[in-house]
Amino acid sequence: IDTNKDRLAAVAPFGATPVLSDEVASTPELADSDLVLEVCGSVAAVPVGLNLLRFGGHYVWAGMVHPASGLSNITGEQIIRKCMHVYGSHNYAPVHLEEAMQFLSTSA
């Protein structure tokens, strides 16, 4: 999910389903997603991702590394009732960047 069409165009070759944020409501098949990745840095994307996850789904937050990333628009109840797994990721070692570049060069 993103608001940027150019970024979304890059995800399909990797098996992801590109969806503009304003198209989520008209894409009901996404409402049972196993994994949602937040990499755009938009706090507004977080509740959208929560609503898409299946029971026990996984949510990775990686883009909200800024002071304006308060999450007052979600509740612990939303996460707990769906038994979600929420992960935050910020730093990586050089080997991880190398592995990511290798993945990108061979997977697209």
PDB file of N, CA and C in Angstrom:
ATOM      1  N   ILE A   1       0.861  -1.171   0.000  1.00  0.00           N
ATOM      2  CA  ILE A   1       0.000   0.000   0.000  1.00  0.00           C
ATOM      3  C   ILE A   1       0.897   1.221   0.000  1.00  0.00           C
ATOM      4  N   ASP A   2       0.619   2.128  -0.896  1.00  0.00           N
ATOM      5  CA  ASP A   2       1.406   3.355  -0.942  1.00  0.00           C
ATOM      6  C   ASP A   2       0.572   4.421  -1.631  1.00  0.00           C
ATOM      7  N   THR A   3       1.049   5.639  -1.590  1.00  0.00           N
ATOM      8  CA  THR A   3       0.421   6.733  -2.315  1.00  0.00           C
ATOM      9  C   THR A   3       1.218   7.080  -3.559  1.00  0.00           C
ATOM     10  N   ASN A   4       2.381   6.450  -3.725  1.00  0.00           N
ATOM     11  CA  ASN A   4       3.292   6.751  -4.825  1.00  0.00           C
ATOM     12  C   ASN A   4       3.237   5.639  -5.875  1.00  0.00           C
ATOM     13  N   LYS A   5       2.692   5.954  -7.057  1.00  0.00           N
ATOM     14  CA  LYS A   5       2.535   4.951  -8.118  1.00  0.00           C
ATOM     15  C   LYS A   5       3.872   4.398  -8.597  1.00  0.00           C
ATOM     16  N   ASP A   6       4.907   5.226  -8.629  1.00  0.00           N
ATOM     17  CA  ASP A   6       6.221   4.759  -9.089  1.00  0.00           C
ATOM     18  C   ASP A   6       6.791   3.692  -8.161  1.00  0.00           C
ATOM     19  N   ARG A   7       6.665   3.896  -6.858  1.00  0.00           N
ATOM     20  CA  ARG A   7       7.148   2.875  -5.919  1.00  0.00           C
ATOM     21  C   ARG A   7       6.333   1.597  -6.040  1.00  0.00           C
ATOM     22  N   LEU A   8       5.038   1.736  -6.213  1.00  0.00           N
ATOM     23  CA  LEU A   8       4.184   0.552  -6.334  1.00  0.00           C
ATOM     24  C   LEU A   8       4.518  -0.266  -7.574  1.00  0.00           C
ATOM     25  N   ALA A   9       4.925   0.396  -8.643  1.00  0.00           N
ATOM     26  CA  ALA A   9       5.256  -0.318  -9.878  1.00  0.00           C
ATOM     27  C   ALA A   9       6.417  -1.282  -9.679  1.00  0.00           C
ATOM     28  N   ALA A  10       7.236  -1.042  -8.681  1.00  0.00           N
ATOM     29  CA  ALA A  10       8.426  -1.873  -8.459  1.00  0.00           C
ATOM     30  C   ALA A  10       8.154  -3.137  -7.649  1.00  0.00           C
ATOM     31  N   VAL A  11       6.984  -3.280  -7.038  1.00  0.00           N
ATOM     32  CA  VAL A  11       6.777  -4.410  -6.132  1.00  0.00           C
ATOM     33  C   VAL A  11       6.233  -5.672  -6.789  1.00  0.00           C
ATOM     34  N   ALA A  12       5.493  -5.544  -7.866  1.00  0.00           N
ATOM     35  CA  ALA A  12       4.868  -6.710  -8.501  1.00  0.00           C
ATOM     36  C   ALA A  12       5.869  -7.786  -8.928  1.00  0.00           C
ATOM     37  N   PRO A  13       7.035  -7.424  -9.485  1.00  0.00           N
ATOM     38  CA  PRO A  13       7.985  -8.478  -9.876  1.00  0.00           C
ATOM     39  C   PRO A  13       8.467  -9.344  -8.709  1.00  0.00           C
ATOM     40  N   PHE A  14       8.253  -8.886  -7.492  1.00  0.00           N
ATOM     41  CA  PHE A  14       8.683  -9.645  -6.312  1.00  0.00           C
ATOM     42  C   PHE A  14       7.535 -10.412  -5.668  1.00  0.00           C
ATOM     43  N   GLY A  15       6.394 -10.452  -6.328  1.00  0.00           N
ATOM     44  CA  GLY A  15       5.268 -11.223  -5.827  1.00  0.00           C
ATOM     45  C   GLY A  15       4.325 -10.466  -4.916  1.00  0.00           C
ATOM     46  N   ALA A  16       4.570  -9.179  -4.723  1.00  0.00           N
ATOM     47  CA  ALA A  16       3.690  -8.373  -3.873  1.00  0.00           C
ATOM     48  C   ALA A  16       2.514  -7.855  -4.698  1.00  0.00           C
ATOM     49  N   THR A  17       1.461  -7.468  -4.027  1.00  0.00           N
ATOM     50  CA  THR A  17       0.288  -6.909  -4.684  1.00  0.00           C
ATOM     51  C   THR A  17       0.308  -5.398  -4.500  1.00  0.00           C
ATOM     52  N   PRO A  18       0.575  -4.643  -5.577  1.00  0.00           N
ATOM     53  CA  PRO A  18       0.612  -3.182  -5.447  1.00  0.00           C
ATOM     54  C   PRO A  18      -0.798  -2.595  -5.377  1.00  0.00           C
ATOM     55  N   VAL A  19      -1.050  -1.776  -4.355  1.00  0.00           N
ATOM     56  CA  VAL A  19      -2.365  -1.164  -4.184  1.00  0.00           C
ATOM     57  C   VAL A  19      -2.177   0.277  -3.720  1.00  0.00           C
ATOM     58  N   LEU A  20      -2.785   1.208  -4.454  1.00  0.00           N
ATOM     59  CA  LEU A  20      -2.792   2.594  -4.002  1.00  0.00           C
ATOM     60  C   LEU A  20      -3.655   2.685  -2.753  1.00  0.00           C
ATOM     61  N   SER A  21      -3.272   3.547  -1.829  1.00  0.00           N
ATOM     62  CA  SER A  21      -3.987   3.618  -0.554  1.00  0.00           C
ATOM     63  C   SER A  21      -5.465   3.938  -0.731  1.00  0.00           C
ATOM     64  N   ASP A  22      -5.809   4.722  -1.755  1.00  0.00           N
ATOM     65  CA  ASP A  22      -7.228   5.040  -1.945  1.00  0.00           C
ATOM     66  C   ASP A  22      -7.995   3.922  -2.659  1.00  0.00           C
ATOM     67  N   GLU A  23      -7.309   2.841  -3.047  1.00  0.00           N
ATOM     68  CA  GLU A  23      -7.966   1.697  -3.679  1.00  0.00           C
ATOM     69  C   GLU A  23      -8.201   0.545  -2.699  1.00  0.00           C
ATOM     70  N   VAL A  24      -7.748   0.675  -1.474  1.00  0.00           N
ATOM     71  CA  VAL A  24      -7.835  -0.425  -0.509  1.00  0.00           C
ATOM     72  C   VAL A  24      -9.279  -0.855  -0.280  1.00  0.00           C
ATOM     73  N   ALA A  25     -10.177   0.090  -0.119  1.00  0.00           N
ATOM     74  CA  ALA A  25     -11.574  -0.250   0.154  1.00  0.00           C
ATOM     75  C   ALA A  25     -12.202  -1.048  -0.983  1.00  0.00           C
ATOM     76  N   SER A  26     -11.719  -0.851  -2.211  1.00  0.00           N
ATOM     77  CA  SER A  26     -12.285  -1.568  -3.353  1.00  0.00           C
ATOM     78  C   SER A  26     -11.492  -2.827  -3.693  1.00  0.00           C
ATOM     79  N   THR A  27     -10.622  -3.270  -2.791  1.00  0.00           N
ATOM     80  CA  THR A  27      -9.815  -4.474  -3.006  1.00  0.00           C
ATOM     81  C   THR A  27     -10.020  -5.415  -1.818  1.00  0.00           C
ATOM     82  N   PRO A  28     -11.226  -5.989  -1.686  1.00  0.00           N
ATOM     83  CA  PRO A  28     -11.532  -6.797  -0.498  1.00  0.00           C
ATOM     84  C   PRO A  28     -10.691  -8.062  -0.362  1.00  0.00           C
ATOM     85  N   GLU A  29     -10.126  -8.570  -1.458  1.00  0.00           N
ATOM     86  CA  GLU A  29      -9.309  -9.788  -1.365  1.00  0.00           C
ATOM     87  C   GLU A  29      -8.036  -9.582  -0.558  1.00  0.00           C
ATOM     88  N   LEU A  30      -7.662  -8.338  -0.310  1.00  0.00           N
ATOM     89  CA  LEU A  30      -6.473  -8.057   0.494  1.00  0.00           C
ATOM     90  C   LEU A  30      -6.752  -8.151   1.992  1.00  0.00           C
ATOM     91  N   ALA A  31      -7.998  -8.239   2.381  1.00  0.00           N
ATOM     92  CA  ALA A  31      -8.367  -8.164   3.797  1.00  0.00           C
ATOM     93  C   ALA A  31      -7.949  -9.375   4.617  1.00  0.00           C
ATOM     94  N   ASP A  32      -7.259 -10.310   4.031  1.00  0.00           N
ATOM     95  CA  ASP A  32      -6.801 -11.494   4.753  1.00  0.00           C
ATOM     96  C   ASP A  32      -5.301 -11.695   4.509  1.00  0.00           C
ATOM     97  N   SER A  33      -4.557 -10.608   4.531  1.00  0.00           N
ATOM     98  CA  SER A  33      -3.131 -10.652   4.209  1.00  0.00           C
ATOM     99  C   SER A  33      -2.315 -11.289   5.328  1.00  0.00           C
ATOM    100  N   ASP A  34      -1.325 -12.087   4.944  1.00  0.00           N
ATOM    101  CA  ASP A  34      -0.404 -12.698   5.905  1.00  0.00           C
ATOM    102  C   ASP A  34       0.623 -11.698   6.409  1.00  0.00           C
ATOM    103  N   LEU A  35       1.031 -10.783   5.535  1.00  0.00           N
ATOM    104  CA  LEU A  35       2.124  -9.861   5.840  1.00  0.00           C
ATOM    105  C   LEU A  35       1.842  -8.501   5.239  1.00  0.00           C
ATOM    106  N   VAL A  36       2.058  -7.455   6.026  1.00  0.00           N
ATOM    107  CA  VAL A  36       1.985  -6.081   5.548  1.00  0.00           C
ATOM    108  C   VAL A  36       3.300  -5.413   5.909  1.00  0.00           C
ATOM    109  N   LEU A  37       3.906  -4.733   4.938  1.00  0.00           N
ATOM    110  CA  LEU A  37       5.152  -3.999   5.160  1.00  0.00           C
ATOM    111  C   LEU A  37       4.869  -2.510   5.071  1.00  0.00           C
ATOM    112  N   GLU A  38       5.175  -1.779   6.118  1.00  0.00           N
ATOM    113  CA  GLU A  38       5.075  -0.319   6.098  1.00  0.00           C
ATOM    114  C   GLU A  38       6.478   0.194   5.869  1.00  0.00           C
ATOM    115  N   VAL A  39       6.710   0.776   4.711  1.00  0.00           N
ATOM    116  CA  VAL A  39       8.030   1.333   4.402  1.00  0.00           C
ATOM    117  C   VAL A  39       7.936   2.769   3.891  1.00  0.00           C
ATOM    118  N   CYS A  40       6.720   3.307   3.800  1.00  0.00           N
ATOM    119  CA  CYS A  40       6.544   4.636   3.217  1.00  0.00           C
ATOM    120  C   CYS A  40       6.689   5.765   4.229  1.00  0.00           C
ATOM    121  N   GLY A  41       6.624   5.463   5.529  1.00  0.00           N
ATOM    122  CA  GLY A  41       6.788   6.502   6.539  1.00  0.00           C
ATOM    123  C   GLY A  41       5.517   7.258   6.872  1.00  0.00           C
ATOM    124  N   SER A  42       4.403   6.843   6.315  1.00  0.00           N
ATOM    125  CA  SER A  42       3.142   7.534   6.548  1.00  0.00           C
ATOM    126  C   SER A  42       2.390   6.914   7.722  1.00  0.00           C
ATOM    127  N   VAL A  43       2.132   7.710   8.745  1.00  0.00           N
ATOM    128  CA  VAL A  43       1.369   7.243   9.899  1.00  0.00           C
ATOM    129  C   VAL A  43      -0.039   6.842   9.460  1.00  0.00           C
ATOM    130  N   ALA A  44      -0.574   7.507   8.453  1.00  0.00           N
ATOM    131  CA  ALA A  44      -1.921   7.196   7.965  1.00  0.00           C
ATOM    132  C   ALA A  44      -2.007   5.792   7.380  1.00  0.00           C
ATOM    133  N   ALA A  45      -0.892   5.229   6.942  1.00  0.00           N
ATOM    134  CA  ALA A  45      -0.895   3.882   6.357  1.00  0.00           C
ATOM    135  C   ALA A  45      -1.033   2.792   7.417  1.00  0.00           C
ATOM    136  N   VAL A  46      -0.685   3.082   8.654  1.00  0.00           N
ATOM    137  CA  VAL A  46      -0.664   2.054   9.704  1.00  0.00           C
ATOM    138  C   VAL A  46      -2.038   1.437   9.962  1.00  0.00           C
ATOM    139  N   PRO A  47      -3.093   2.213  10.215  1.00  0.00           N
ATOM    140  CA  PRO A  47      -4.385   1.570  10.451  1.00  0.00           C
ATOM    141  C   PRO A  47      -4.916   0.836   9.221  1.00  0.00           C
ATOM    142  N   VAL A  48      -4.573   1.307   8.043  1.00  0.00           N
ATOM    143  CA  VAL A  48      -4.973   0.609   6.815  1.00  0.00           C
ATOM    144  C   VAL A  48      -4.349  -0.779   6.803  1.00  0.00           C
ATOM    145  N   GLY A  49      -3.065  -0.848   7.123  1.00  0.00           N
ATOM    146  CA  GLY A  49      -2.377  -2.136   7.186  1.00  0.00           C
ATOM    147  C   GLY A  49      -2.951  -3.052   8.249  1.00  0.00           C
ATOM    148  N   LEU A  50      -3.301  -2.496   9.405  1.00  0.00           N
ATOM    149  CA  LEU A  50      -3.905  -3.299  10.475  1.00  0.00           C
ATOM    150  C   LEU A  50      -5.200  -3.953  10.007  1.00  0.00           C
ATOM    151  N   ASN A  51      -5.991  -3.203   9.273  1.00  0.00           N
ATOM    152  CA  ASN A  51      -7.266  -3.732   8.793  1.00  0.00           C
ATOM    153  C   ASN A  51      -7.087  -4.817   7.738  1.00  0.00           C
ATOM    154  N   LEU A  52      -5.960  -4.828   7.057  1.00  0.00           N
ATOM    155  CA  LEU A  52      -5.723  -5.821   6.007  1.00  0.00           C
ATOM    156  C   LEU A  52      -5.210  -7.149   6.539  1.00  0.00           C
ATOM    157  N   LEU A  53      -4.631  -7.141   7.729  1.00  0.00           N
ATOM    158  CA  LEU A  53      -4.013  -8.362   8.245  1.00  0.00           C
ATOM    159  C   LEU A  53      -5.025  -9.410   8.674  1.00  0.00           C
ATOM    160  N   ARG A  54      -4.689 -10.655   8.410  1.00  0.00           N
ATOM    161  CA  ARG A  54      -5.491 -11.789   8.883  1.00  0.00           C
ATOM    162  C   ARG A  54      -5.215 -11.992  10.366  1.00  0.00           C
ATOM    163  N   PHE A  55      -5.988 -12.837  11.000  1.00  0.00           N
ATOM    164  CA  PHE A  55      -5.751 -13.222  12.384  1.00  0.00           C
ATOM    165  C   PHE A  55      -4.355 -13.855  12.463  1.00  0.00           C
ATOM    166  N   GLY A  56      -3.512 -13.352  13.346  1.00  0.00           N
ATOM    167  CA  GLY A  56      -2.151 -13.872  13.492  1.00  0.00           C
ATOM    168  C   GLY A  56      -1.178 -13.365  12.446  1.00  0.00           C
ATOM    169  N   GLY A  57      -1.579 -12.352  11.672  1.00  0.00           N
ATOM    170  CA  GLY A  57      -0.720 -11.821  10.613  1.00  0.00           C
ATOM    171  C   GLY A  57       0.488 -11.069  11.149  1.00  0.00           C
ATOM    172  N   HIS A  58       1.388 -10.740  10.247  1.00  0.00           N
ATOM    173  CA  HIS A  58       2.645 -10.074  10.592  1.00  0.00           C
ATOM    174  C   HIS A  58       2.682  -8.683   9.957  1.00  0.00           C
ATOM    175  N   TYR A  59       3.079  -7.704  10.767  1.00  0.00           N
ATOM    176  CA  TYR A  59       3.157  -6.317  10.305  1.00  0.00           C
ATOM    177  C   TYR A  59       4.565  -5.806  10.603  1.00  0.00           C
ATOM    178  N   VAL A  60       5.264  -5.377   9.573  1.00  0.00           N
ATOM    179  CA  VAL A  60       6.621  -4.843   9.724  1.00  0.00           C
ATOM    180  C   VAL A  60       6.566  -3.336   9.505  1.00  0.00           C
ATOM    181  N   TRP A  61       7.060  -2.596  10.488  1.00  0.00           N
ATOM    182  CA  TRP A  61       7.153  -1.143  10.387  1.00  0.00           C
ATOM    183  C   TRP A  61       8.613  -0.782  10.178  1.00  0.00           C
ATOM    184  N   ALA A  62       8.912  -0.148   9.059  1.00  0.00           N
ATOM    185  CA  ALA A  62      10.298   0.217   8.774  1.00  0.00           C
ATOM    186  C   ALA A  62      10.458   1.657   8.296  1.00  0.00           C
ATOM    187  N   GLY A  63       9.386   2.319   7.909  1.00  0.00           N
ATOM    188  CA  GLY A  63       9.517   3.647   7.333  1.00  0.00           C
ATOM    189  C   GLY A  63       9.255   4.805   8.269  1.00  0.00           C
ATOM    190  N   MET A  64       8.687   4.548   9.424  1.00  0.00           N
ATOM    191  CA  MET A  64       8.306   5.648  10.312  1.00  0.00           C
ATOM    192  C   MET A  64       9.427   6.025  11.272  1.00  0.00           C
ATOM    193  N   VAL A  65      10.559   6.326  10.729  1.00  0.00           N
ATOM    194  CA  VAL A  65      11.723   6.691  11.545  1.00  0.00           C
ATOM    195  C   VAL A  65      11.827   8.221  11.553  1.00  0.00           C
ATOM    196  N   HIS A  66      10.839   8.851  12.161  1.00  0.00           N
ATOM    197  CA  HIS A  66      10.815  10.310  12.250  1.00  0.00           C
ATOM    198  C   HIS A  66       9.950  10.716  13.442  1.00  0.00           C
ATOM    199  N   PRO A  67      10.142  11.922  13.950  1.00  0.00           N
ATOM    200  CA  PRO A  67       9.422  12.351  15.152  1.00  0.00           C
ATOM    201  C   PRO A  67       7.904  12.427  14.985  1.00  0.00           C
ATOM    202  N   ALA A  68       7.416  12.584  13.771  1.00  0.00           N
ATOM    203  CA  ALA A  68       5.973  12.709  13.546  1.00  0.00           C
ATOM    204  C   ALA A  68       5.326  11.347  13.309  1.00  0.00           C
ATOM    205  N   SER A  69       5.810  10.332  14.014  1.00  0.00           N
ATOM    206  CA  SER A  69       5.293   8.978  13.791  1.00  0.00           C
ATOM    207  C   SER A  69       4.434   8.481  14.952  1.00  0.00           C
ATOM    208  N   GLY A  70       3.784   9.406  15.653  1.00  0.00           N
ATOM    209  CA  GLY A  70       2.894   9.014  16.743  1.00  0.00           C
ATOM    210  C   GLY A  70       1.738   8.172  16.224  1.00  0.00           C
ATOM    211  N   LEU A  71       1.362   7.169  16.970  1.00  0.00           N
ATOM    212  CA  LEU A  71       0.325   6.240  16.524  1.00  0.00           C
ATOM    213  C   LEU A  71      -0.938   6.351  17.367  1.00  0.00           C
ATOM    214  N   SER A  72      -1.429   7.553  17.550  1.00  0.00           N
ATOM    215  CA  SER A  72      -2.625   7.751  18.370  1.00  0.00           C
ATOM    216  C   SER A  72      -3.891   7.277  17.664  1.00  0.00           C
ATOM    217  N   ASN A  73      -3.762   6.883  16.394  1.00  0.00           N
ATOM    218  CA  ASN A  73      -4.939   6.455  15.643  1.00  0.00           C
ATOM    219  C   ASN A  73      -5.151   4.937  15.658  1.00  0.00           C
ATOM    220  N   ILE A  74      -4.400   4.199  16.502  1.00  0.00           N
ATOM    221  CA  ILE A  74      -4.613   2.757  16.655  1.00  0.00           C
ATOM    222  C   ILE A  74      -4.656   2.426  18.146  1.00  0.00           C
ATOM    223  N   THR A  75      -5.185   1.253  18.458  1.00  0.00           N
ATOM    224  CA  THR A  75      -5.259   0.843  19.860  1.00  0.00           C
ATOM    225  C   THR A  75      -4.576  -0.508  20.046  1.00  0.00           C
ATOM    226  N   GLY A  76      -4.183  -0.767  21.263  1.00  0.00           N
ATOM    227  CA  GLY A  76      -3.630  -2.079  21.582  1.00  0.00           C
ATOM    228  C   GLY A  76      -4.648  -3.173  21.324  1.00  0.00           C
ATOM    229  N   GLU A  77      -5.909  -2.864  21.547  1.00  0.00           N
ATOM    230  CA  GLU A  77      -6.972  -3.847  21.313  1.00  0.00           C
ATOM    231  C   GLU A  77      -6.971  -4.337  19.865  1.00  0.00           C
ATOM    232  N   GLN A  78      -6.740  -3.429  18.913  1.00  0.00           N
ATOM    233  CA  GLN A  78      -6.713  -3.826  17.504  1.00  0.00           C
ATOM    234  C   GLN A  78      -5.632  -4.873  17.246  1.00  0.00           C
ATOM    235  N   ILE A  79      -4.503  -4.704  17.877  1.00  0.00           N
ATOM    236  CA  ILE A  79      -3.383  -5.628  17.680  1.00  0.00           C
ATOM    237  C   ILE A  79      -3.630  -6.936  18.428  1.00  0.00           C
ATOM    238  N   ILE A  80      -4.065  -6.832  19.672  1.00  0.00           N
ATOM    239  CA  ILE A  80      -4.224  -8.018  20.518  1.00  0.00           C
ATOM    240  C   ILE A  80      -5.360  -8.921  20.041  1.00  0.00           C
ATOM    241  N   ARG A  81      -6.501  -8.358  19.681  1.00  0.00           N
ATOM    242  CA  ARG A  81      -7.643  -9.190  19.272  1.00  0.00           C
ATOM    243  C   ARG A  81      -7.352 -10.002  18.013  1.00  0.00           C
ATOM    244  N   LYS A  82      -6.491  -9.491  17.147  1.00  0.00           N
ATOM    245  CA  LYS A  82      -6.134 -10.237  15.939  1.00  0.00           C
ATOM    246  C   LYS A  82      -4.864 -11.067  16.131  1.00  0.00           C
ATOM    247  N   CYS A  83      -4.315 -11.046  17.346  1.00  0.00           N
ATOM    248  CA  CYS A  83      -3.068 -11.787  17.636  1.00  0.00           C
ATOM    249  C   CYS A  83      -1.987 -11.471  16.601  1.00  0.00           C
ATOM    250  N   MET A  84      -1.835 -10.196  16.299  1.00  0.00           N
ATOM    251  CA  MET A  84      -0.861  -9.764  15.294  1.00  0.00           C
ATOM    252  C   MET A  84       0.551  -9.827  15.838  1.00  0.00           C
ATOM    253  N   HIS A  85       1.469  -9.953  14.930  1.00  0.00           N
ATOM    254  CA  HIS A  85       2.891  -9.879  15.244  1.00  0.00           C
ATOM    255  C   HIS A  85       3.390  -8.584  14.605  1.00  0.00           C
ATOM    256  N   VAL A  86       3.827  -7.643  15.430  1.00  0.00           N
ATOM    257  CA  VAL A  86       4.291  -6.350  14.937  1.00  0.00           C
ATOM    258  C   VAL A  86       5.788  -6.263  15.158  1.00  0.00           C
ATOM    259  N   TYR A  87       6.514  -5.912  14.101  1.00  0.00           N
ATOM    260  CA  TYR A  87       7.972  -5.832  14.155  1.00  0.00           C
ATOM    261  C   TYR A  87       8.411  -4.441  13.716  1.00  0.00           C
ATOM    262  N   GLY A  88       9.384  -3.905  14.404  1.00  0.00           N
ATOM    263  CA  GLY A  88       9.999  -2.659  13.990  1.00  0.00           C
ATOM    264  C   GLY A  88      11.413  -2.944  13.517  1.00  0.00           C
ATOM    265  N   SER A  89      11.803  -2.316  12.436  1.00  0.00           N
ATOM    266  CA  SER A  89      13.146  -2.540  11.904  1.00  0.00           C
ATOM    267  C   SER A  89      13.761  -1.206  11.522  1.00  0.00           C
ATOM    268  N   HIS A  90      14.995  -0.976  11.961  1.00  0.00           N
ATOM    269  CA  HIS A  90      15.648   0.293  11.656  1.00  0.00           C
ATOM    270  C   HIS A  90      17.040   0.099  11.092  1.00  0.00           C
ATOM    271  N   ASN A  91      17.900  -0.501  11.839  1.00  0.00           N
ATOM    272  CA  ASN A  91      19.295  -0.628  11.412  1.00  0.00           C
ATOM    273  C   ASN A  91      19.564  -1.983  10.779  1.00  0.00           C
ATOM    274  N   TYR A  92      20.608  -2.014   9.988  1.00  0.00           N
ATOM    275  CA  TYR A  92      21.027  -3.264   9.365  1.00  0.00           C
ATOM    276  C   TYR A  92      22.539  -3.243   9.225  1.00  0.00           C
ATOM    277  N   ALA A  93      23.102  -4.417   9.138  1.00  0.00           N
ATOM    278  CA  ALA A  93      24.548  -4.542   8.946  1.00  0.00           C
ATOM    279  C   ALA A  93      24.853  -4.500   7.451  1.00  0.00           C
ATOM    280  N   PRO A  94      26.077  -4.164   7.070  1.00  0.00           N
ATOM    281  CA  PRO A  94      26.434  -4.127   5.650  1.00  0.00           C
ATOM    282  C   PRO A  94      26.096  -5.420   4.904  1.00  0.00           C
ATOM    283  N   VAL A  95      26.213  -6.553   5.574  1.00  0.00           N
ATOM    284  CA  VAL A  95      25.904  -7.820   4.908  1.00  0.00           C
ATOM    285  C   VAL A  95      24.430  -7.878   4.505  1.00  0.00           C
ATOM    286  N   HIS A  96      23.546  -7.246   5.277  1.00  0.00           N
ATOM    287  CA  HIS A  96      22.124  -7.245   4.939  1.00  0.00           C
ATOM    288  C   HIS A  96      21.866  -6.424   3.682  1.00  0.00           C
ATOM    289  N   LEU A  97      22.550  -5.313   3.531  1.00  0.00           N
ATOM    290  CA  LEU A  97      22.412  -4.508   2.321  1.00  0.00           C
ATOM    291  C   LEU A  97      22.920  -5.291   1.116  1.00  0.00           C
ATOM    292  N   GLU A  98      24.028  -5.970   1.289  1.00  0.00           N
ATOM    293  CA  GLU A  98      24.577  -6.794   0.208  1.00  0.00           C
ATOM    294  C   GLU A  98      23.586  -7.896  -0.190  1.00  0.00           C
ATOM    295  N   GLU A  99      22.989  -8.552   0.790  1.00  0.00           N
ATOM    296  CA  GLU A  99      22.003  -9.602   0.506  1.00  0.00           C
ATOM    297  C   GLU A  99      20.769  -9.025  -0.188  1.00  0.00           C
ATOM    298  N   ALA A 100      20.345  -7.854   0.228  1.00  0.00           N
ATOM    299  CA  ALA A 100      19.185  -7.219  -0.399  1.00  0.00           C
ATOM    300  C   ALA A 100      19.476  -6.870  -1.853  1.00  0.00           C
ATOM    301  N   MET A 101      20.655  -6.343  -2.112  1.00  0.00           N
ATOM    302  CA  MET A 101      21.025  -6.002  -3.488  1.00  0.00           C
ATOM    303  C   MET A 101      21.113  -7.257  -4.350  1.00  0.00           C
ATOM    304  N   GLN A 102      21.638  -8.328  -3.794  1.00  0.00           N
ATOM    305  CA  GLN A 102      21.707  -9.600  -4.520  1.00  0.00           C
ATOM    306  C   GLN A 102      20.295 -10.096  -4.841  1.00  0.00           C
ATOM    307  N   PHE A 103      19.410 -10.018  -3.872  1.00  0.00           N
ATOM    308  CA  PHE A 103      18.022 -10.427  -4.073  1.00  0.00           C
ATOM    309  C   PHE A 103      17.383  -9.608  -5.187  1.00  0.00           C
ATOM    310  N   LEU A 104      17.560  -8.297  -5.141  1.00  0.00           N
ATOM    311  CA  LEU A 104      16.969  -7.432  -6.156  1.00  0.00           C
ATOM    312  C   LEU A 104      17.511  -7.725  -7.549  1.00  0.00           C
ATOM    313  N   SER A 105      18.789  -8.021  -7.639  1.00  0.00           N
ATOM    314  CA  SER A 105      19.395  -8.251  -8.957  1.00  0.00           C
ATOM    315  C   SER A 105      18.997  -9.594  -9.561  1.00  0.00           C
ATOM    316  N   THR A 106      18.569 -10.540  -8.742  1.00  0.00           N
ATOM    317  CA  THR A 106      18.234 -11.863  -9.275  1.00  0.00           C
ATOM    318  C   THR A 106      16.745 -12.174  -9.247  1.00  0.00           C
ATOM    319  N   SER A 107      15.951 -11.353  -8.601  1.00  0.00           N
ATOM    320  CA  SER A 107      14.539 -11.695  -8.416  1.00  0.00           C
ATOM    321  C   SER A 107      13.574 -10.938  -9.311  1.00  0.00           C
ATOM    322  N   ALA A 108      13.958  -9.792  -9.774  1.00  0.00           N
ATOM    323  CA  ALA A 108      13.017  -8.984 -10.565  1.00  0.00           C
ATOM    324  C   ALA A 108      13.002  -9.394 -12.017  1.00  0.00           C
TER     325      ALA A 108
END
